[in-house]
Amino acid sequence: MEMQQNIPIYKLVIVGANGGIGRQCVEQALQAGHLVTAILRNPAKLAIEHPNLKKVSGDVMQPGAFENNFENQDAVISAIGVAGGVGSDKPTALYSQGNANILKAMEQKGIKRMFLISASAIEISPVLPFYIRLVEKYVVQKLLKHMYTDLLKMEVVIKSSNISWTIIRPPQLTNQAVTGTYRIAINAFLKNCLKISRADVAHFIINNIANRDIYQATVEIGY
């Protein structure tokens, strides 16, 4: 799929703006000329200063703490995530309840566009190599059982809404620099979807805000 060219200036709310993908979204959105409202629990942790950036404190698990910042915005990018990962998996409702709270705020303020981050391994891809499927099913899904359970709940909540959502399911995330070169599959499994950088996930988001091909769609992305 070709990336969009000459994208207009958008007013973007980025929630979880200090996470790996969230921070990349902030940086790349500002580079593209967008107006960014970054919502995170501790704004001081986002060491980015820019005239088009507004940093505000907000906790998605506390309704009423962030809704005012959704006024007159074009799209929301939810990059919220739990700390830790493999070895630190604990029961959570951050993805499902947090994004449900964001969705409610969007509906109240009339925002129709949303990006969310899920994970490719929550559903075993039939087009991955056999040994990778075994590792995902018997290792990854067990080690991240609680996180994946909540991500699945999140997807159900979002897919039942009427907004123009895009759920991105990246595979293993890396800290490599942005390349702008990657493959995607829309509402399908991506063959050999093994790795993608956080920077390139952000690149895809920022360059496809108004891409109707991915409205109400799940996107796998990888190299």
C-alpha atoms as a PDB file:
ATOM      1  CA  MET A   1       0.000   0.000   0.000  1.00  0.00           C
ATOM      2  CA  GLU A   2       1.346   3.444  -0.827  1.00  0.00           C
ATOM      3  CA  MET A   3       1.838   5.937   1.970  1.00  0.00           C
ATOM      4  CA  GLN A   4      -0.196   9.097   1.826  1.00  0.00           C
ATOM      5  CA  GLN A   5       1.522  12.197   0.521  1.00  0.00           C
ATOM      6  CA  ASN A   6       0.990  15.872   1.410  1.00  0.00           C
ATOM      7  CA  ILE A   7      -0.979  15.078   4.515  1.00  0.00           C
ATOM      8  CA  PRO A   8      -2.809  18.041   6.098  1.00  0.00           C
ATOM      9  CA  ILE A   9      -2.129  19.406   9.556  1.00  0.00           C
ATOM     10  CA  TYR A  10      -4.041  17.574  12.271  1.00  0.00           C
ATOM     11  CA  LYS A  11      -4.727  18.188  15.921  1.00  0.00           C
ATOM     12  CA  LEU A  12      -3.657  14.950  17.561  1.00  0.00           C
ATOM     13  CA  VAL A  13      -4.073  13.644  21.082  1.00  0.00           C
ATOM     14  CA  ILE A  14      -1.395  11.094  21.950  1.00  0.00           C
ATOM     15  CA  VAL A  15      -2.114   9.117  25.113  1.00  0.00           C
ATOM     16  CA  GLY A  16       0.763   7.249  26.688  1.00  0.00           C
ATOM     17  CA  ALA A  17       3.113   9.715  25.063  1.00  0.00           C
ATOM     18  CA  ASN A  18       6.217   8.664  26.972  1.00  0.00           C
ATOM     19  CA  GLY A  19       6.105   5.013  25.950  1.00  0.00           C
ATOM     20  CA  GLY A  20       8.237   3.637  23.140  1.00  0.00           C
ATOM     21  CA  ILE A  21       5.664   4.025  20.368  1.00  0.00           C
ATOM     22  CA  GLY A  22       3.952   7.022  21.962  1.00  0.00           C
ATOM     23  CA  ARG A  23       7.142   9.053  22.149  1.00  0.00           C
ATOM     24  CA  GLN A  24       7.935   8.223  18.523  1.00  0.00           C
ATOM     25  CA  CYS A  25       4.444   9.347  17.544  1.00  0.00           C
ATOM     26  CA  VAL A  26       4.970  12.655  19.325  1.00  0.00           C
ATOM     27  CA  GLU A  27       8.334  13.276  17.663  1.00  0.00           C
ATOM     28  CA  GLN A  28       7.191  12.316  14.168  1.00  0.00           C
ATOM     29  CA  ALA A  29       3.884  14.171  14.431  1.00  0.00           C
ATOM     30  CA  LEU A  30       5.732  17.348  15.390  1.00  0.00           C
ATOM     31  CA  GLN A  31       8.209  16.850  12.558  1.00  0.00           C
ATOM     32  CA  ALA A  32       5.244  16.590  10.167  1.00  0.00           C
ATOM     33  CA  GLY A  33       3.821  19.868  11.436  1.00  0.00           C
ATOM     34  CA  HIS A  34       0.887  18.515  13.429  1.00  0.00           C
ATOM     35  CA  LEU A  35      -0.410  20.032  16.661  1.00  0.00           C
ATOM     36  CA  VAL A  36       0.085  17.540  19.477  1.00  0.00           C
ATOM     37  CA  THR A  37      -1.511  17.200  22.885  1.00  0.00           C
ATOM     38  CA  ALA A  38       0.501  14.620  24.814  1.00  0.00           C
ATOM     39  CA  ILE A  39      -1.274  13.015  27.750  1.00  0.00           C
ATOM     40  CA  LEU A  40       0.762  11.094  30.298  1.00  0.00           C
ATOM     41  CA  ARG A  41       0.743  10.607  34.030  1.00  0.00           C
ATOM     42  CA  ASN A  42       3.940  12.591  34.533  1.00  0.00           C
ATOM     43  CA  PRO A  43       4.486  15.217  31.816  1.00  0.00           C
ATOM     44  CA  ALA A  44       7.975  15.950  33.154  1.00  0.00           C
ATOM     45  CA  LYS A  45       9.123  12.576  31.835  1.00  0.00           C
ATOM     46  CA  LEU A  46       8.545  13.643  28.228  1.00  0.00           C
ATOM     47  CA  ALA A  47      11.736  15.575  27.538  1.00  0.00           C
ATOM     48  CA  ILE A  48      10.490  17.170  24.328  1.00  0.00           C
ATOM     49  CA  GLU A  49       9.825  20.870  23.929  1.00  0.00           C
ATOM     50  CA  HIS A  50       8.124  22.287  20.856  1.00  0.00           C
ATOM     51  CA  PRO A  51       5.760  25.200  20.141  1.00  0.00           C
ATOM     52  CA  ASN A  52       3.202  22.748  18.698  1.00  0.00           C
ATOM     53  CA  LEU A  53       3.343  20.451  21.738  1.00  0.00           C
ATOM     54  CA  LYS A  54       1.096  20.665  24.777  1.00  0.00           C
ATOM     55  CA  LYS A  55       1.982  18.292  27.624  1.00  0.00           C
ATOM     56  CA  VAL A  56      -0.728  17.525  30.157  1.00  0.00           C
ATOM     57  CA  SER A  57      -1.134  15.193  33.100  1.00  0.00           C
ATOM     58  CA  GLY A  58      -3.802  12.535  32.804  1.00  0.00           C
ATOM     59  CA  ASP A  59      -4.554   8.988  33.911  1.00  0.00           C
ATOM     60  CA  VAL A  60      -6.800   6.968  31.579  1.00  0.00           C
ATOM     61  CA  MET A  61      -7.923   4.833  34.506  1.00  0.00           C
ATOM     62  CA  GLN A  62      -9.460   7.893  36.154  1.00  0.00           C
ATOM     63  CA  PRO A  63     -12.395   9.205  34.086  1.00  0.00           C
ATOM     64  CA  GLY A  64     -12.639  12.957  34.323  1.00  0.00           C
ATOM     65  CA  ALA A  65      -8.889  13.454  34.477  1.00  0.00           C
ATOM     66  CA  PHE A  66      -8.211  14.021  30.785  1.00  0.00           C
ATOM     67  CA  GLU A  67     -11.434  14.608  28.816  1.00  0.00           C
ATOM     68  CA  ASN A  68     -11.098  18.383  28.568  1.00  0.00           C
ATOM     69  CA  ASN A  69      -7.987  17.920  26.445  1.00  0.00           C
ATOM     70  CA  PHE A  70     -10.057  16.155  23.762  1.00  0.00           C
ATOM     71  CA  GLU A  71     -11.886  19.323  22.791  1.00  0.00           C
ATOM     72  CA  ASN A  72     -11.634  20.216  19.063  1.00  0.00           C
ATOM     73  CA  GLN A  73      -9.169  17.428  18.241  1.00  0.00           C
ATOM     74  CA  ASP A  74      -9.041  15.433  14.993  1.00  0.00           C
ATOM     75  CA  ALA A  75      -7.733  12.059  16.137  1.00  0.00           C
ATOM     76  CA  VAL A  76      -6.528  10.116  19.164  1.00  0.00           C
ATOM     77  CA  ILE A  77      -3.511   7.827  19.220  1.00  0.00           C
ATOM     78  CA  SER A  78      -3.610   5.468  22.193  1.00  0.00           C
ATOM     79  CA  ALA A  79      -0.145   4.124  22.941  1.00  0.00           C
ATOM     80  CA  ILE A  80      -0.828   3.160  26.532  1.00  0.00           C
ATOM     81  CA  GLY A  81       0.882   0.077  27.876  1.00  0.00           C
ATOM     82  CA  VAL A  82       1.867  -1.703  31.048  1.00  0.00           C
ATOM     83  CA  ALA A  83       5.424  -1.537  32.335  1.00  0.00           C
ATOM     84  CA  GLY A  84       7.576  -4.622  32.333  1.00  0.00           C
ATOM     85  CA  GLY A  85       6.781  -7.347  29.831  1.00  0.00           C
ATOM     86  CA  VAL A  86       8.000 -10.937  29.813  1.00  0.00           C
ATOM     87  CA  GLY A  87       8.632 -11.935  33.414  1.00  0.00           C
ATOM     88  CA  SER A  88       6.522  -9.076  34.778  1.00  0.00           C
ATOM     89  CA  ASP A  89       3.093 -10.051  33.507  1.00  0.00           C
ATOM     90  CA  LYS A  90       0.338  -9.227  35.975  1.00  0.00           C
ATOM     91  CA  PRO A  91      -3.462  -8.979  35.767  1.00  0.00           C
ATOM     92  CA  THR A  92      -4.389  -5.655  34.192  1.00  0.00           C
ATOM     93  CA  ALA A  93      -7.357  -3.718  32.868  1.00  0.00           C
ATOM     94  CA  LEU A  94      -5.292  -0.866  31.475  1.00  0.00           C
ATOM     95  CA  TYR A  95      -5.874  -1.728  27.822  1.00  0.00           C
ATOM     96  CA  SER A  96      -9.570  -2.594  28.013  1.00  0.00           C
ATOM     97  CA  GLN A  97     -10.785  -0.129  30.644  1.00  0.00           C
ATOM     98  CA  GLY A  98      -8.271   2.587  29.802  1.00  0.00           C
ATOM     99  CA  ASN A  99      -9.206   2.590  26.143  1.00  0.00           C
ATOM    100  CA  ALA A 100     -12.896   2.306  26.996  1.00  0.00           C
ATOM    101  CA  ASN A 101     -12.485   5.522  28.996  1.00  0.00           C
ATOM    102  CA  ILE A 102     -10.689   7.151  26.071  1.00  0.00           C
ATOM    103  CA  LEU A 103     -13.437   6.003  23.712  1.00  0.00           C
ATOM    104  CA  LYS A 104     -16.120   7.489  25.966  1.00  0.00           C
ATOM    105  CA  ALA A 105     -14.261  10.806  26.045  1.00  0.00           C
ATOM    106  CA  MET A 106     -13.964  10.758  22.256  1.00  0.00           C
ATOM    107  CA  GLU A 107     -17.688  10.161  21.883  1.00  0.00           C
ATOM    108  CA  GLN A 108     -18.440  13.029  24.259  1.00  0.00           C
ATOM    109  CA  LYS A 109     -16.204  15.411  22.301  1.00  0.00           C
ATOM    110  CA  GLY A 110     -17.164  14.188  18.825  1.00  0.00           C
ATOM    111  CA  ILE A 111     -13.784  12.715  17.820  1.00  0.00           C
ATOM    112  CA  LYS A 112     -14.185   9.950  15.241  1.00  0.00           C
ATOM    113  CA  ARG A 113     -10.618   8.744  14.527  1.00  0.00           C
ATOM    114  CA  MET A 114      -8.515   6.494  16.769  1.00  0.00           C
ATOM    115  CA  PHE A 115      -5.381   4.351  16.587  1.00  0.00           C
ATOM    116  CA  LEU A 116      -4.642   1.674  19.155  1.00  0.00           C
ATOM    117  CA  ILE A 117      -1.701  -0.661  19.734  1.00  0.00           C
ATOM    118  CA  SER A 118      -2.374  -4.366  20.250  1.00  0.00           C
ATOM    119  CA  ALA A 119      -0.012  -7.292  19.540  1.00  0.00           C
ATOM    120  CA  SER A 120       0.338  -9.778  16.704  1.00  0.00           C
ATOM    121  CA  ALA A 121       0.803 -12.770  19.020  1.00  0.00           C
ATOM    122  CA  ILE A 122      -2.619 -12.493  20.658  1.00  0.00           C
ATOM    123  CA  GLU A 123      -3.809 -14.548  17.685  1.00  0.00           C
ATOM    124  CA  ILE A 124      -1.607 -17.277  16.251  1.00  0.00           C
ATOM    125  CA  SER A 125      -0.927 -16.487  12.614  1.00  0.00           C
ATOM    126  CA  PRO A 126      -1.294 -19.467  10.240  1.00  0.00           C
ATOM    127  CA  VAL A 127       1.253 -17.941   7.848  1.00  0.00           C
ATOM    128  CA  LEU A 128       4.124 -17.861  10.333  1.00  0.00           C
ATOM    129  CA  PRO A 129       6.761 -20.618  10.257  1.00  0.00           C
ATOM    130  CA  PHE A 130       5.697 -23.669  12.267  1.00  0.00           C
ATOM    131  CA  TYR A 131       8.333 -23.235  14.963  1.00  0.00           C
ATOM    132  CA  ILE A 132       7.358 -19.585  15.480  1.00  0.00           C
ATOM    133  CA  ARG A 133       3.728 -20.600  15.929  1.00  0.00           C
ATOM    134  CA  LEU A 134       4.795 -23.092  18.603  1.00  0.00           C
ATOM    135  CA  VAL A 135       6.847 -20.475  20.422  1.00  0.00           C
ATOM    136  CA  GLU A 136       3.971 -17.972  20.342  1.00  0.00           C
ATOM    137  CA  LYS A 137       1.414 -20.487  21.581  1.00  0.00           C
ATOM    138  CA  TYR A 138       3.418 -22.271  24.259  1.00  0.00           C
ATOM    139  CA  VAL A 139       5.856 -19.588  25.373  1.00  0.00           C
ATOM    140  CA  VAL A 140       4.855 -16.026  24.470  1.00  0.00           C
ATOM    141  CA  GLN A 141       1.128 -16.354  25.104  1.00  0.00           C
ATOM    142  CA  LYS A 142       1.766 -18.038  28.449  1.00  0.00           C
ATOM    143  CA  LEU A 143       4.392 -15.534  29.601  1.00  0.00           C
ATOM    144  CA  LEU A 144       2.165 -12.592  28.637  1.00  0.00           C
ATOM    145  CA  LYS A 145      -1.168 -14.235  29.432  1.00  0.00           C
ATOM    146  CA  HIS A 146      -2.626 -11.352  31.426  1.00  0.00           C
ATOM    147  CA  MET A 147      -1.570  -8.650  28.992  1.00  0.00           C
ATOM    148  CA  TYR A 148      -2.901 -10.547  25.981  1.00  0.00           C
ATOM    149  CA  THR A 149      -6.162 -11.337  27.748  1.00  0.00           C
ATOM    150  CA  ASP A 150      -6.737  -7.640  28.329  1.00  0.00           C
ATOM    151  CA  LEU A 151      -5.692  -6.710  24.788  1.00  0.00           C
ATOM    152  CA  LEU A 152      -8.314  -9.101  23.442  1.00  0.00           C
ATOM    153  CA  LYS A 153     -10.920  -7.477  25.683  1.00  0.00           C
ATOM    154  CA  MET A 154      -9.798  -4.093  24.382  1.00  0.00           C
ATOM    155  CA  GLU A 155     -10.236  -5.182  20.780  1.00  0.00           C
ATOM    156  CA  VAL A 156     -13.785  -6.379  21.486  1.00  0.00           C
ATOM    157  CA  VAL A 157     -14.659  -3.028  23.079  1.00  0.00           C
ATOM    158  CA  ILE A 158     -13.214  -0.986  20.233  1.00  0.00           C
ATOM    159  CA  LYS A 159     -14.638  -3.147  17.449  1.00  0.00           C
ATOM    160  CA  SER A 160     -18.137  -2.726  18.861  1.00  0.00           C
ATOM    161  CA  SER A 161     -17.876   1.073  18.600  1.00  0.00           C
ATOM    162  CA  ASN A 162     -18.909   3.291  15.695  1.00  0.00           C
ATOM    163  CA  ILE A 163     -15.707   5.304  15.455  1.00  0.00           C
ATOM    164  CA  SER A 164     -13.109   5.010  12.682  1.00  0.00           C
ATOM    165  CA  TRP A 165     -10.642   2.882  14.607  1.00  0.00           C
ATOM    166  CA  THR A 166      -7.442   1.207  13.487  1.00  0.00           C
ATOM    167  CA  ILE A 167      -5.945  -1.483  15.683  1.00  0.00           C
ATOM    168  CA  ILE A 168      -2.274  -2.118  14.977  1.00  0.00           C
ATOM    169  CA  ARG A 169      -0.842  -5.527  15.818  1.00  0.00           C
ATOM    170  CA  PRO A 170       2.948  -5.299  15.758  1.00  0.00           C
ATOM    171  CA  PRO A 171       5.232  -8.307  16.331  1.00  0.00           C
ATOM    172  CA  GLN A 172       8.462  -8.058  18.348  1.00  0.00           C
ATOM    173  CA  LEU A 173       9.308  -4.387  18.781  1.00  0.00           C
ATOM    174  CA  THR A 174      12.811  -2.974  18.387  1.00  0.00           C
ATOM    175  CA  ASN A 175      14.419   0.408  19.008  1.00  0.00           C
ATOM    176  CA  GLN A 176      15.843   0.788  15.512  1.00  0.00           C
ATOM    177  CA  ALA A 177      15.514   4.115  13.719  1.00  0.00           C
ATOM    178  CA  VAL A 178      12.644   4.859  11.382  1.00  0.00           C
ATOM    179  CA  THR A 179      13.013   3.447   7.861  1.00  0.00           C
ATOM    180  CA  GLY A 180       9.585   4.065   6.352  1.00  0.00           C
ATOM    181  CA  THR A 181       9.947   0.696   4.634  1.00  0.00           C
ATOM    182  CA  TYR A 182       7.773  -2.133   5.923  1.00  0.00           C
ATOM    183  CA  ARG A 183       4.915  -4.423   4.954  1.00  0.00           C
ATOM    184  CA  ILE A 184       1.341  -4.434   6.200  1.00  0.00           C
ATOM    185  CA  ALA A 185      -1.703  -6.700   6.038  1.00  0.00           C
ATOM    186  CA  ILE A 186      -5.183  -5.240   6.516  1.00  0.00           C
ATOM    187  CA  ASN A 187      -7.651  -7.548   8.275  1.00  0.00           C
ATOM    188  CA  ALA A 188      -5.317 -10.398   7.415  1.00  0.00           C
ATOM    189  CA  PHE A 189      -2.172 -12.110   8.621  1.00  0.00           C
ATOM    190  CA  LEU A 190       1.179 -10.815   7.420  1.00  0.00           C
ATOM    191  CA  LYS A 191       3.552 -13.518   6.241  1.00  0.00           C
ATOM    192  CA  ASN A 192       6.753 -13.664   8.302  1.00  0.00           C
ATOM    193  CA  CYS A 193       5.595 -10.848  10.542  1.00  0.00           C
ATOM    194  CA  LEU A 194       8.471 -11.101  13.018  1.00  0.00           C
ATOM    195  CA  LYS A 195       9.885  -7.666  13.864  1.00  0.00           C
ATOM    196  CA  ILE A 196       9.193  -3.952  13.508  1.00  0.00           C
ATOM    197  CA  SER A 197      10.708  -0.888  15.148  1.00  0.00           C
ATOM    198  CA  ARG A 198       8.650   1.349  17.385  1.00  0.00           C
ATOM    199  CA  ALA A 199       9.710   4.201  15.127  1.00  0.00           C
ATOM    200  CA  ASP A 200       8.228   2.539  12.037  1.00  0.00           C
ATOM    201  CA  VAL A 201       4.971   1.739  13.833  1.00  0.00           C
ATOM    202  CA  ALA A 202       4.742   5.449  14.612  1.00  0.00           C
ATOM    203  CA  HIS A 203       5.650   6.284  11.009  1.00  0.00           C
ATOM    204  CA  PHE A 204       2.747   4.208   9.752  1.00  0.00           C
ATOM    205  CA  ILE A 205       0.322   5.875  12.163  1.00  0.00           C
ATOM    206  CA  ILE A 206       1.349   9.454  11.461  1.00  0.00           C
ATOM    207  CA  ASN A 207       1.288   8.914   7.693  1.00  0.00           C
ATOM    208  CA  ASN A 208      -2.128   7.240   7.639  1.00  0.00           C
ATOM    209  CA  ILE A 209      -4.345   9.360   9.874  1.00  0.00           C
ATOM    210  CA  ALA A 210      -6.987   9.817   7.167  1.00  0.00           C
ATOM    211  CA  ASN A 211      -6.431   6.602   5.211  1.00  0.00           C
ATOM    212  CA  ARG A 212      -9.930   5.184   4.800  1.00  0.00           C
ATOM    213  CA  ASP A 213      -8.535   1.812   3.732  1.00  0.00           C
ATOM    214  CA  ILE A 214      -7.699   1.143   7.370  1.00  0.00           C
ATOM    215  CA  TYR A 215     -10.829   2.553   9.003  1.00  0.00           C
ATOM    216  CA  GLN A 216     -12.358  -0.074  11.307  1.00  0.00           C
ATOM    217  CA  ALA A 217      -9.528  -2.431  10.435  1.00  0.00           C
ATOM    218  CA  THR A 218      -6.831  -4.477  12.124  1.00  0.00           C
ATOM    219  CA  VAL A 219      -3.359  -4.005  10.667  1.00  0.00           C
ATOM    220  CA  GLU A 220      -0.366  -6.294  11.037  1.00  0.00           C
ATOM    221  CA  ILE A 221       2.944  -4.582  10.300  1.00  0.00           C
ATOM    222  CA  GLY A 222       6.458  -5.920   9.938  1.00  0.00           C
ATOM    223  CA  TYR A 223       9.597  -5.914   7.844  1.00  0.00           C
END
